[in-house]
């Protein structure tokens, strides 16, 4: 029997290690679990007083302690970077105005369209405008904005983003609550950023922190916040605050030549910091749709050579994490090129790096089995067991919510037990799209473009 559906988006499958329950769809019992991400909330009783705001601790060793005293002096500035954003700047500002923020600042780096005129129309609503020349560095612009602030907190929102209707009224309340965390000046906070065109959610891009802390940004593009006092990595905390984004819509990307700009700036970053793995990883990620097999091998090999690097660059993510991310994302491109021998080699490397099973390695191997016709019941049951292991699923670089594994299970059901059973399972899941699946249906050809990659998508 199927359990009552509480929130029919993220199914958890129950399957005994030796014998599968005979209820449900010919041997699979469906239990719908409420919530978006397994093990997302920190297991720390002192954090309970923060209510629903904290979703995840991205720094494993982070220990949050909360002061009981509640302060009412939380001031918040919103900072928006813009350049030729007439398409979307009003939408962004409209999502912010009226929510009691103390300061809204737009920093424009040389718009030649109507962006400036549109922003000036919001001055009566308390929006301030700073114009500064573009100097090939997003960090420079963000840091310039930080110097202009007097508030306790800052929230960076990109012009092609907007704060969700649900989160807008509660964002300041959220910051007032987490302001009670001890050593909050050593933390940065990441909202959930939902790409509305590609159904990808990014959960680990820090945009929010204490403006009066010793935190600045580093890097010309794909910049990151770091501790200017001693250069040590900051703790990263996920928040249950939602931004929406459409800047990776293909027409926007092509119109603004984002890929070419990013790769040029990344080349500069690699020249200045050749041992910083972040710049090499993002070079791989941003150029992925154009890379061939040898180029992928060369770039991943260069990242592998950095594994023994001990140099601190202030980034919270380690070189081992970047290498794992690169292996996973290049697997999608290699599969697109039908270079499955290289995909399987990357799967071996992923599991060597993990010291055991890796959910994404299982995913790619099982897709290969489906495509070459060798998939069997063992593959289905093994995938169910992987999907059941919440801790293992949470280590995925593709989907910490297990979306790719749900799509895989649906396809295995279709292949092994008939399309009806596959469709019944697919109906319970959020649709999954990547280089291998289109809305949870396996692609049987390679005539498509890779969707934009996301650093650590949630679903």
Protein backbone atom coordinates (compact mmCIF):
# COMPACT_ATOMS: atom_id res chain seq x y z
CA UNK A 1 0.00 0.00 0.00
CA UNK A 2 1.13 3.52 -0.64
CA UNK A 3 1.56 5.78 2.38
CA UNK A 4 -0.43 8.99 2.57
CA UNK A 5 1.26 11.64 0.48
CA UNK A 6 2.31 14.56 2.67
CA UNK A 7 4.36 16.40 0.08
CA UNK A 8 4.62 14.45 -3.20
CA UNK A 9 7.99 15.70 -4.30
CA UNK A 10 10.76 13.74 -2.62
CA UNK A 11 9.96 10.02 -2.18
CA UNK A 12 11.98 7.78 0.09
CA UNK A 13 12.02 4.16 -0.96
CA UNK A 14 11.96 1.27 1.46
CA UNK A 15 13.64 -1.96 0.36
CA UNK A 16 14.94 -4.72 2.63
CA UNK A 17 18.55 -5.69 1.96
CA UNK A 18 17.59 -9.30 1.25
CA UNK A 19 13.93 -9.23 0.33
CA UNK A 20 11.82 -6.39 -0.98
CA UNK A 21 8.40 -5.77 0.54
CA UNK A 22 5.70 -7.16 -1.73
CA UNK A 23 3.38 -4.21 -1.21
CA UNK A 24 3.23 -1.20 -3.48
CA UNK A 25 4.37 -1.34 -7.09
CA UNK A 26 5.39 -4.96 -7.50
CA UNK A 27 7.82 -4.95 -4.63
CA UNK A 28 8.51 -1.32 -3.82
CA UNK A 29 6.91 0.45 -0.88
CA UNK A 30 6.63 4.21 -1.26
CA UNK A 31 6.93 6.40 1.81
CA UNK A 32 6.75 10.11 1.12
CA UNK A 33 8.95 12.07 3.49
CA UNK A 34 8.15 15.68 4.21
CA UNK A 35 10.99 18.13 3.68
CA UNK A 36 13.41 19.05 0.95
CA UNK A 37 16.87 17.88 1.91
CA UNK A 38 18.01 14.90 4.02
CA UNK A 39 19.95 15.78 7.16
CA UNK A 40 19.67 19.43 6.23
CA UNK A 41 19.10 20.91 9.69
CA UNK A 42 21.99 21.00 12.15
CA UNK A 43 21.72 18.60 15.09
CA UNK A 44 22.35 21.16 17.79
CA UNK A 45 19.79 21.88 20.50
CA UNK A 46 21.12 25.41 21.02
CA UNK A 47 20.21 26.18 17.43
CA UNK A 48 16.58 25.20 17.97
CA UNK A 49 15.89 28.67 19.33
CA UNK A 50 16.66 30.09 15.88
CA UNK A 51 13.41 28.60 14.69
CA UNK A 52 13.06 27.66 11.02
CA UNK A 53 15.83 29.82 9.58
CA UNK A 54 18.86 27.50 9.39
CA UNK A 55 18.64 24.69 6.85
CA UNK A 56 22.16 23.32 6.64
CA UNK A 57 25.73 23.57 7.89
CA UNK A 58 28.14 23.37 4.95
CA UNK A 59 31.17 23.41 7.22
CA UNK A 60 31.15 19.97 8.93
CA UNK A 61 33.12 21.07 12.01
CA UNK A 62 30.94 24.12 12.64
CA UNK A 63 29.47 24.32 16.14
CA UNK A 64 26.84 27.02 16.57
CA UNK A 65 26.14 28.51 19.98
CA UNK A 66 23.34 30.98 20.48
CA UNK A 67 23.09 33.83 22.97
CA UNK A 68 19.82 33.91 24.87
CA UNK A 69 19.71 37.69 24.77
CA UNK A 70 17.71 39.04 21.84
CA UNK A 71 18.91 42.34 20.38
CA UNK A 72 16.64 44.69 18.47
CA UNK A 73 19.29 46.75 16.70
CA UNK A 74 19.56 44.65 13.53
CA UNK A 75 20.01 46.94 10.53
CA UNK A 76 20.11 45.45 7.04
CA UNK A 77 21.39 46.75 3.70
CA UNK A 78 20.54 45.21 0.34
CA UNK A 79 23.21 45.58 -2.35
CA UNK A 80 22.52 45.00 -6.05
CA UNK A 81 25.20 44.99 -8.75
CA UNK A 82 24.04 46.07 -12.19
CA UNK A 83 25.18 46.63 -15.73
CA UNK A 84 22.70 46.79 -18.61
CA UNK A 85 19.96 45.18 -16.56
CA UNK A 86 16.91 47.04 -17.89
CA UNK A 87 15.30 43.63 -18.53
CA UNK A 88 15.12 42.72 -14.85
CA UNK A 89 16.22 45.50 -12.46
CA UNK A 90 12.65 46.61 -11.69
CA UNK A 91 11.64 43.06 -10.82
CA UNK A 92 14.58 42.80 -8.43
CA UNK A 93 13.88 46.14 -6.72
CA UNK A 94 10.13 45.46 -6.48
CA UNK A 95 10.88 42.26 -4.54
CA UNK A 96 12.86 44.30 -1.97
CA UNK A 97 11.08 47.63 -1.57
CA UNK A 98 8.58 47.76 1.25
CA UNK A 99 10.15 45.12 3.48
CA UNK A 100 11.65 47.49 6.07
CA UNK A 101 15.26 47.22 4.92
CA UNK A 102 17.38 50.10 6.16
CA UNK A 103 19.35 50.75 2.99
CA UNK A 104 19.05 49.61 -0.63
CA UNK A 105 22.11 50.29 -2.77
CA UNK A 106 22.52 49.69 -6.50
CA UNK A 107 26.11 49.76 -7.76
CA UNK A 108 26.19 50.21 -11.52
CA UNK A 109 29.35 49.52 -13.52
CA UNK A 110 28.62 51.31 -16.76
CA UNK A 111 25.14 50.60 -18.08
CA UNK A 112 24.46 51.89 -21.57
CA UNK A 113 20.77 50.92 -21.64
CA UNK A 114 17.97 52.31 -19.45
CA UNK A 115 19.12 50.72 -16.18
CA UNK A 116 20.23 54.02 -14.61
CA UNK A 117 16.97 55.75 -15.46
CA UNK A 118 14.94 52.87 -14.05
CA UNK A 119 16.91 52.84 -10.78
CA UNK A 120 16.58 56.61 -10.42
CA UNK A 121 12.82 56.12 -10.51
CA UNK A 122 13.09 54.22 -7.23
CA UNK A 123 14.93 56.95 -5.31
CA UNK A 124 11.71 58.05 -3.61
CA UNK A 125 11.53 54.51 -2.25
CA UNK A 126 14.91 54.89 -0.56
CA UNK A 127 17.09 53.32 -3.27
CA UNK A 128 20.58 54.82 -3.61
CA UNK A 129 22.75 54.58 -6.72
CA UNK A 130 26.54 54.49 -7.04
CA UNK A 131 28.16 54.52 -10.48
CA UNK A 132 31.67 53.15 -10.86
CA UNK A 133 33.74 52.00 -13.85
CA UNK A 134 33.93 48.25 -14.53
CA UNK A 135 37.45 47.02 -13.71
CA UNK A 136 37.16 43.34 -14.66
CA UNK A 137 36.44 42.24 -11.09
CA UNK A 138 33.17 41.49 -9.34
CA UNK A 139 35.04 41.42 -6.03
CA UNK A 140 36.14 45.01 -6.50
CA UNK A 141 32.54 46.11 -7.00
CA UNK A 142 31.21 44.16 -4.02
CA UNK A 143 33.99 45.45 -1.79
CA UNK A 144 33.34 49.02 -2.93
CA UNK A 145 29.72 48.57 -1.85
CA UNK A 146 30.78 47.22 1.54
CA UNK A 147 32.84 50.34 2.18
CA UNK A 148 29.73 52.48 1.66
CA UNK A 149 27.58 50.64 4.24
CA UNK A 150 26.91 51.52 7.87
CA UNK A 151 24.41 48.73 8.61
CA UNK A 152 25.14 45.61 10.67
CA UNK A 153 24.11 43.17 7.94
CA UNK A 154 24.44 43.04 4.17
CA UNK A 155 22.51 40.96 1.67
CA UNK A 156 23.81 40.78 -1.91
CA UNK A 157 21.14 40.19 -4.55
CA UNK A 158 22.11 39.99 -8.21
CA UNK A 159 20.09 42.11 -10.63
CA UNK A 160 18.80 39.02 -12.44
CA UNK A 161 17.50 37.64 -9.14
CA UNK A 162 14.53 38.53 -6.98
CA UNK A 163 13.59 37.67 -3.42
CA UNK A 164 10.62 35.32 -3.28
CA UNK A 165 7.26 36.67 -2.13
CA UNK A 166 7.39 34.32 0.83
CA UNK A 167 10.92 35.23 1.94
CA UNK A 168 10.85 38.99 1.40
CA UNK A 169 8.75 39.90 4.45
CA UNK A 170 10.77 37.57 6.72
CA UNK A 171 14.34 38.21 5.63
CA UNK A 172 15.04 40.94 8.18
CA UNK A 173 13.43 38.87 10.93
CA UNK A 174 15.67 35.95 9.94
CA UNK A 175 18.81 38.08 10.25
CA UNK A 176 17.68 39.49 13.58
CA UNK A 177 17.35 35.94 14.85
CA UNK A 178 20.68 34.59 13.60
CA UNK A 179 22.41 37.74 14.85
CA UNK A 180 22.37 35.99 18.24
CA UNK A 181 24.83 33.32 17.09
CA UNK A 182 28.16 33.59 18.88
CA UNK A 183 31.07 34.41 16.57
CA UNK A 184 28.57 35.36 13.86
CA UNK A 185 31.32 37.57 12.36
CA UNK A 186 33.10 34.36 11.33
CA UNK A 187 30.10 33.09 9.36
CA UNK A 188 28.57 33.70 5.96
CA UNK A 189 25.06 32.66 5.01
CA UNK A 190 23.68 31.21 1.79
CA UNK A 191 20.08 31.53 0.60
CA UNK A 192 18.50 28.98 -1.71
CA UNK A 193 18.76 30.30 -5.28
CA UNK A 194 16.23 28.71 -7.63
CA UNK A 195 16.91 28.87 -11.37
CA UNK A 196 13.39 29.17 -12.76
CA UNK A 197 14.31 28.12 -16.30
CA UNK A 198 16.38 25.02 -15.56
CA UNK A 199 14.76 23.87 -12.30
CA UNK A 200 18.12 23.87 -10.51
CA UNK A 201 18.55 25.05 -6.93
CA UNK A 202 21.88 26.28 -5.64
CA UNK A 203 22.21 26.24 -1.86
CA UNK A 204 25.80 27.08 -1.03
CA UNK A 205 26.65 30.47 -2.53
CA UNK A 206 27.20 32.84 0.45
CA UNK A 207 25.50 36.21 -0.06
CA UNK A 208 24.70 37.33 3.49
CA UNK A 209 26.95 38.30 6.40
CA UNK A 210 27.69 40.94 8.98
CA UNK A 211 28.70 44.07 7.10
CA UNK A 212 30.77 45.26 10.05
CA UNK A 213 32.87 42.05 10.10
CA UNK A 214 36.33 41.71 8.55
CA UNK A 215 34.87 40.02 5.46
CA UNK A 216 35.61 40.96 1.88
CA UNK A 217 35.35 39.26 -1.49
CA UNK A 218 38.16 37.65 -3.47
CA UNK A 219 38.44 36.84 -7.17
CA UNK A 220 37.45 38.59 -10.41
CA UNK A 221 34.50 36.22 -11.08
CA UNK A 222 32.86 33.42 -9.09
CA UNK A 223 34.16 35.48 -6.21
CA UNK A 224 33.92 34.31 -2.63
CA UNK A 225 33.92 35.96 0.82
CA UNK A 226 36.95 35.44 3.02
CA UNK A 227 38.30 36.55 6.39
CA UNK A 228 40.64 39.49 5.85
CA UNK A 229 41.99 39.29 9.43
CA UNK A 230 43.91 36.03 9.07
CA UNK A 231 42.80 34.60 5.70
CA UNK A 232 41.12 31.61 7.32
CA UNK A 233 37.99 30.07 5.75
CA UNK A 234 34.64 31.27 6.99
CA UNK A 235 31.90 28.96 8.20
CA UNK A 236 29.07 28.58 5.68
CA UNK A 237 25.47 28.19 6.83
CA UNK A 238 22.45 27.57 4.60
CA UNK A 239 19.29 29.58 5.22
CA UNK A 240 15.65 28.86 4.49
CA UNK A 241 15.46 32.05 2.46
CA UNK A 242 14.61 31.84 -1.24
CA UNK A 243 15.88 33.89 -4.17
CA UNK A 244 14.72 33.28 -7.74
CA UNK A 245 17.02 33.63 -10.74
CA UNK A 246 16.82 33.57 -14.52
CA UNK A 247 20.24 34.86 -15.56
CA UNK A 248 21.25 31.53 -17.13
CA UNK A 249 18.41 31.56 -19.62
CA UNK A 250 20.21 30.79 -22.89
CA UNK A 251 19.09 33.99 -24.60
CA UNK A 252 20.42 36.05 -21.69
CA UNK A 253 23.71 34.15 -21.56
CA UNK A 254 24.27 34.62 -25.29
CA UNK A 255 23.17 38.26 -25.30
CA UNK A 256 25.55 39.21 -22.49
CA UNK A 257 28.37 36.84 -23.58
CA UNK A 258 28.64 35.59 -19.98
CA UNK A 259 30.63 32.48 -20.79
CA UNK A 260 33.33 34.32 -22.73
CA UNK A 261 33.59 37.00 -20.06
CA UNK A 262 33.81 34.46 -17.24
CA UNK A 263 36.49 32.39 -18.95
CA UNK A 264 38.57 35.49 -19.64
CA UNK A 265 38.37 36.57 -16.00
CA UNK A 266 39.09 33.04 -14.79
CA UNK A 267 42.20 32.98 -16.96
CA UNK A 268 43.36 36.13 -15.15
CA UNK A 269 42.58 34.55 -11.77
CA UNK A 270 44.56 31.39 -12.61
CA UNK A 271 47.52 33.49 -13.69
CA UNK A 272 47.49 35.40 -10.38
CA UNK A 273 46.72 32.37 -8.18
CA UNK A 274 47.80 29.26 -10.07
CA UNK A 275 47.42 26.97 -7.04
CA UNK A 276 43.89 28.08 -6.11
CA UNK A 277 41.67 25.14 -7.17
CA UNK A 278 38.54 27.29 -7.31
CA UNK A 279 39.62 29.03 -10.52
CA UNK A 280 40.51 25.75 -12.24
CA UNK A 281 37.23 24.15 -11.18
CA UNK A 282 35.16 27.05 -12.51
CA UNK A 283 37.17 27.04 -15.73
CA UNK A 284 36.05 23.44 -16.18
CA UNK A 285 32.47 24.20 -15.23
CA UNK A 286 32.02 27.29 -17.39
CA UNK A 287 33.69 25.81 -20.48
CA UNK A 288 32.10 22.36 -20.09
CA UNK A 289 29.68 22.51 -23.08
CA UNK A 290 32.62 23.17 -25.42
CA UNK A 291 35.18 20.70 -24.03
CA UNK A 292 36.24 17.49 -25.76
CA UNK A 293 37.58 14.37 -24.07
CA UNK A 294 41.30 15.27 -24.15
CA UNK A 295 40.61 18.79 -22.84
CA UNK A 296 38.58 17.37 -19.95
CA UNK A 297 41.39 14.95 -19.14
CA UNK A 298 43.97 17.72 -19.15
CA UNK A 299 41.97 20.07 -16.92
CA UNK A 300 40.95 17.37 -14.44
CA UNK A 301 44.56 16.20 -14.38
CA UNK A 302 45.69 19.72 -13.50
CA UNK A 303 43.17 19.80 -10.65
CA UNK A 304 44.38 16.40 -9.46
CA UNK A 305 47.91 17.77 -9.27
CA UNK A 306 46.70 20.32 -6.71
CA UNK A 307 45.41 17.68 -4.27
CA UNK A 308 48.59 17.88 -2.19
CA UNK A 309 48.52 21.68 -2.03
CA UNK A 310 48.56 22.95 1.55
CA UNK A 311 48.37 26.64 0.70
CA UNK A 312 45.39 28.40 2.31
CA UNK A 313 43.35 30.65 0.04
CA UNK A 314 40.52 31.48 2.44
CA UNK A 315 37.98 29.41 0.50
CA UNK A 316 35.68 27.25 2.61
CA UNK A 317 35.64 24.47 0.01
CA UNK A 318 38.72 22.20 -0.14
CA UNK A 319 40.68 21.10 -3.20
CA UNK A 320 39.37 17.54 -2.69
CA UNK A 321 35.80 18.85 -2.88
CA UNK A 322 36.54 20.80 -6.04
CA UNK A 323 38.12 17.73 -7.62
CA UNK A 324 35.06 15.62 -6.79
CA UNK A 325 32.76 18.29 -8.22
CA UNK A 326 34.83 18.43 -11.39
CA UNK A 327 34.72 14.65 -11.81
CA UNK A 328 30.94 14.61 -11.43
CA UNK A 329 30.25 17.48 -13.80
CA UNK A 330 32.67 16.27 -16.46
CA UNK A 331 30.97 12.86 -16.33
CA UNK A 332 27.91 14.55 -17.80
CA UNK A 333 29.87 16.05 -20.67
CA UNK A 334 31.75 12.80 -21.32
CA UNK A 335 28.45 10.90 -21.41
CA UNK A 336 27.14 13.50 -23.84
CA UNK A 337 30.18 12.72 -26.02
CA UNK A 338 29.54 8.94 -25.55
CA UNK A 339 32.99 8.54 -23.98
CA UNK A 340 31.71 6.05 -21.44
CA UNK A 341 35.11 4.51 -20.75
CA UNK A 342 36.17 7.90 -19.40
CA UNK A 343 32.92 8.23 -17.41
CA UNK A 344 33.55 4.88 -15.71
CA UNK A 345 37.13 5.89 -14.98
CA UNK A 346 35.87 9.07 -13.30
CA UNK A 347 33.43 6.97 -11.27
CA UNK A 348 36.35 4.89 -9.98
CA UNK A 349 38.21 8.06 -9.02
CA UNK A 350 35.15 9.44 -7.23
CA UNK A 351 34.92 6.35 -5.05
CA UNK A 352 38.65 6.36 -4.39
CA UNK A 353 38.32 9.96 -3.25
CA UNK A 354 35.28 9.13 -1.08
CA UNK A 355 36.88 6.01 0.36
CA UNK A 356 33.78 3.99 -0.50
CA UNK A 357 30.50 4.29 -2.35
CA UNK A 358 29.54 7.53 -4.03
CA UNK A 359 25.92 8.16 -5.11
CA UNK A 360 26.90 9.96 -8.29
CA UNK A 361 29.28 7.19 -9.36
CA UNK A 362 26.40 4.74 -8.89
CA UNK A 363 24.16 7.01 -10.96
CA UNK A 364 26.48 7.19 -13.96
CA UNK A 365 27.31 3.47 -13.90
CA UNK A 366 23.61 2.58 -13.76
CA UNK A 367 22.74 4.91 -16.65
CA UNK A 368 25.47 3.22 -18.68
CA UNK A 369 23.91 -0.15 -17.84
CA UNK A 370 20.53 1.12 -19.04
CA UNK A 371 21.96 2.40 -22.30
CA UNK A 372 23.93 -0.73 -23.12
CA UNK A 373 21.02 -3.02 -22.19
CA UNK A 374 22.70 -4.77 -19.25
CA UNK A 375 20.56 -3.30 -16.44
CA UNK A 376 18.82 -5.91 -14.30
CA UNK A 377 16.84 -6.27 -11.06
CA UNK A 378 20.03 -6.07 -9.02
CA UNK A 379 20.66 -2.58 -10.43
CA UNK A 380 17.15 -1.52 -9.47
CA UNK A 381 17.33 -2.84 -5.91
CA UNK A 382 20.84 -1.49 -5.43
CA UNK A 383 19.67 1.96 -6.54
CA UNK A 384 16.81 1.77 -4.04
CA UNK A 385 19.29 1.01 -1.27
CA UNK A 386 21.48 3.94 -2.30
CA UNK A 387 18.41 6.19 -2.38
CA UNK A 388 17.47 5.02 1.13
CA UNK A 389 20.84 5.98 2.58
CA UNK A 390 20.21 9.63 3.42
CA UNK A 391 23.77 10.27 4.54
CA UNK A 392 25.12 8.84 1.29
CA UNK A 393 22.62 10.82 -0.81
CA UNK A 394 23.55 14.00 1.05
CA UNK A 395 27.13 13.59 -0.25
CA UNK A 396 25.97 13.93 -3.85
CA UNK A 397 27.31 16.76 -6.00
CA UNK A 398 24.37 16.40 -8.39
CA UNK A 399 21.39 16.44 -6.04
CA UNK A 400 21.46 16.27 -2.27
CA UNK A 401 17.70 15.71 -2.46
CA UNK A 402 18.27 12.56 -4.55
CA UNK A 403 16.49 13.86 -7.63
CA UNK A 404 18.86 12.12 -10.05
CA UNK A 405 18.43 8.81 -8.21
CA UNK A 406 14.64 9.12 -8.36
CA UNK A 407 14.85 9.66 -12.12
CA UNK A 408 17.13 6.62 -12.36
CA UNK A 409 14.71 4.44 -10.37
CA UNK A 410 11.80 5.52 -12.58
CA UNK A 411 13.76 4.60 -15.71
CA UNK A 412 14.86 1.25 -14.26
CA UNK A 413 11.24 0.48 -13.39
CA UNK A 414 10.17 1.36 -16.93
CA UNK A 415 12.89 -0.80 -18.42
CA UNK A 416 12.50 -3.82 -16.15
CA UNK A 417 8.86 -3.79 -15.07
CA UNK A 418 7.05 -1.80 -17.71
CA UNK A 419 6.36 1.83 -18.53
CA UNK A 420 3.28 1.98 -16.32
CA UNK A 421 5.24 1.30 -13.17
CA UNK A 422 7.95 3.73 -14.20
CA UNK A 423 5.35 6.42 -14.84
CA UNK A 424 3.68 5.79 -11.46
CA UNK A 425 6.95 6.37 -9.65
CA UNK A 426 7.87 9.33 -11.82
CA UNK A 427 4.63 11.06 -10.84
CA UNK A 428 5.77 11.09 -7.21
CA UNK A 429 9.05 12.86 -7.91
CA UNK A 430 10.17 16.31 -8.83
CA UNK A 431 11.23 16.28 -12.49
CA UNK A 432 14.97 15.85 -12.98
CA UNK A 433 16.87 17.36 -15.93
CA UNK A 434 20.57 17.08 -16.67
CA UNK A 435 22.73 15.85 -19.54
CA UNK A 436 21.26 12.34 -19.20
CA UNK A 437 17.61 12.96 -18.29
CA UNK A 438 14.95 15.33 -19.54
CA UNK A 439 12.28 15.76 -16.85
CA UNK A 440 13.13 12.33 -15.42
CA UNK A 441 13.02 10.56 -18.81
CA UNK A 442 16.32 9.11 -20.02
CA UNK A 443 17.68 10.80 -23.13
CA UNK A 444 18.32 8.25 -25.84
CA UNK A 445 20.27 10.61 -28.08
CA UNK A 446 22.92 13.26 -27.56
CA UNK A 447 21.48 16.04 -29.68
CA UNK A 448 21.07 18.56 -26.89
CA UNK A 449 23.04 21.18 -25.01
CA UNK A 450 24.16 20.69 -21.46
CA UNK A 451 22.03 22.57 -18.93
CA UNK A 452 23.95 25.14 -16.90
CA UNK A 453 25.90 23.54 -14.08
CA UNK A 454 25.17 24.40 -10.50
CA UNK A 455 27.57 24.28 -7.60
CA UNK A 456 25.98 21.79 -5.28
CA UNK A 457 22.34 21.81 -6.42
CA UNK A 458 19.73 20.84 -3.91
CA UNK A 459 17.15 19.28 -6.10
